[in-house]
Protein backbone atom coordinates (compact mmCIF):
# COMPACT_ATOMS: atom_id res chain seq x y z
CA UNK A 1 90.25 73.36 78.57
CA UNK A 2 91.43 74.58 75.20
CA UNK A 3 94.53 76.69 74.61
CA UNK A 4 92.55 79.91 74.13
CA UNK A 5 90.88 79.49 77.51
CA UNK A 6 94.22 78.87 79.20
CA UNK A 7 95.65 81.98 77.56
CA UNK A 8 92.76 84.12 78.75
CA UNK A 9 93.13 82.80 82.30
CA UNK A 10 96.91 83.35 82.15
CA UNK A 11 96.32 86.92 81.00
CA UNK A 12 93.98 87.97 83.81
CA UNK A 13 94.23 85.58 86.77
CA UNK A 14 97.82 86.29 87.95
CA UNK A 15 97.21 90.05 87.95
CA UNK A 16 94.00 89.60 89.90
CA UNK A 17 95.77 87.30 92.36
CA UNK A 18 98.46 89.91 93.00
CA UNK A 19 95.80 92.56 93.60
CA UNK A 20 93.81 90.28 95.90
CA UNK A 21 96.85 89.24 97.91
CA UNK A 22 97.94 92.88 98.14
CA UNK A 23 94.61 93.78 99.68
CA UNK A 24 94.87 90.88 102.14
CA UNK A 25 98.54 91.21 103.17
CA UNK A 26 98.97 95.00 102.66
CA UNK A 27 102.35 94.25 101.06
CA UNK A 28 102.77 94.03 97.30
CA UNK A 29 106.03 92.07 97.54
CA UNK A 30 104.45 89.33 99.66
CA UNK A 31 101.51 89.31 97.28
CA UNK A 32 103.80 88.83 94.30
CA UNK A 33 105.63 85.96 96.01
CA UNK A 34 102.33 84.26 96.90
CA UNK A 35 101.06 84.59 93.32
CA UNK A 36 104.33 83.19 91.95
CA UNK A 37 104.09 80.28 94.39
CA UNK A 38 100.57 79.47 93.18
CA UNK A 39 101.67 79.59 89.55
CA UNK A 40 104.69 77.41 90.35
CA UNK A 41 102.37 74.88 91.99
CA UNK A 42 100.14 74.83 88.93
CA UNK A 43 103.16 74.33 86.68
CA UNK A 44 104.34 71.50 88.90
CA UNK A 45 100.88 69.90 88.73
CA UNK A 46 100.97 70.08 84.93
CA UNK A 47 98.28 72.67 84.22
CA UNK A 48 100.66 75.00 82.38
CA UNK A 49 102.50 73.35 79.55
CA UNK A 50 103.61 75.75 76.84
CA UNK A 51 106.32 78.42 77.07
CA UNK A 52 103.84 80.94 75.68
CA UNK A 53 101.74 80.56 78.83
CA UNK A 54 104.83 81.23 80.97
CA UNK A 55 105.39 84.51 79.14
CA UNK A 56 101.75 85.50 79.47
CA UNK A 57 101.83 84.64 83.21
CA UNK A 58 104.96 86.75 83.70
CA UNK A 59 103.40 89.68 81.83
CA UNK A 60 100.24 89.42 83.92
CA UNK A 61 102.24 89.28 87.17
CA UNK A 62 104.11 92.40 86.10
CA UNK A 63 100.88 94.24 85.32
CA UNK A 64 99.38 93.13 88.64
CA UNK A 65 102.43 94.33 90.54
CA UNK A 66 102.30 97.66 88.72
CA UNK A 67 98.59 98.05 89.51
CA UNK A 68 99.24 97.19 93.15
CA UNK A 69 101.91 99.90 93.25
CA UNK A 70 99.47 102.41 91.75
CA UNK A 71 96.80 101.30 94.23
CA UNK A 72 99.20 101.89 97.14
CA UNK A 73 100.12 105.37 95.89
CA UNK A 74 96.44 106.32 95.60
CA UNK A 75 95.76 105.11 99.13
CA UNK A 76 98.68 107.14 100.50
CA UNK A 77 97.42 110.37 98.91
CA UNK A 78 93.98 110.16 100.54
């Protein structure tokens, strides 16, 4: 896969993983830890190589955690 494809995946996939794990575990902190563990495993396997991808992953995790927090607030108001 080329660098552009890896950047696009790094931009969207961690945020989606946090949202998915939040829906499964009903806890955004556990979801964040699970997503970080998956990213750490991919780094260990050698799929993520450049520091730019680490920054993009961290940004995406932050956005996913923020969206999970917003999702929880909306559920509590219903």
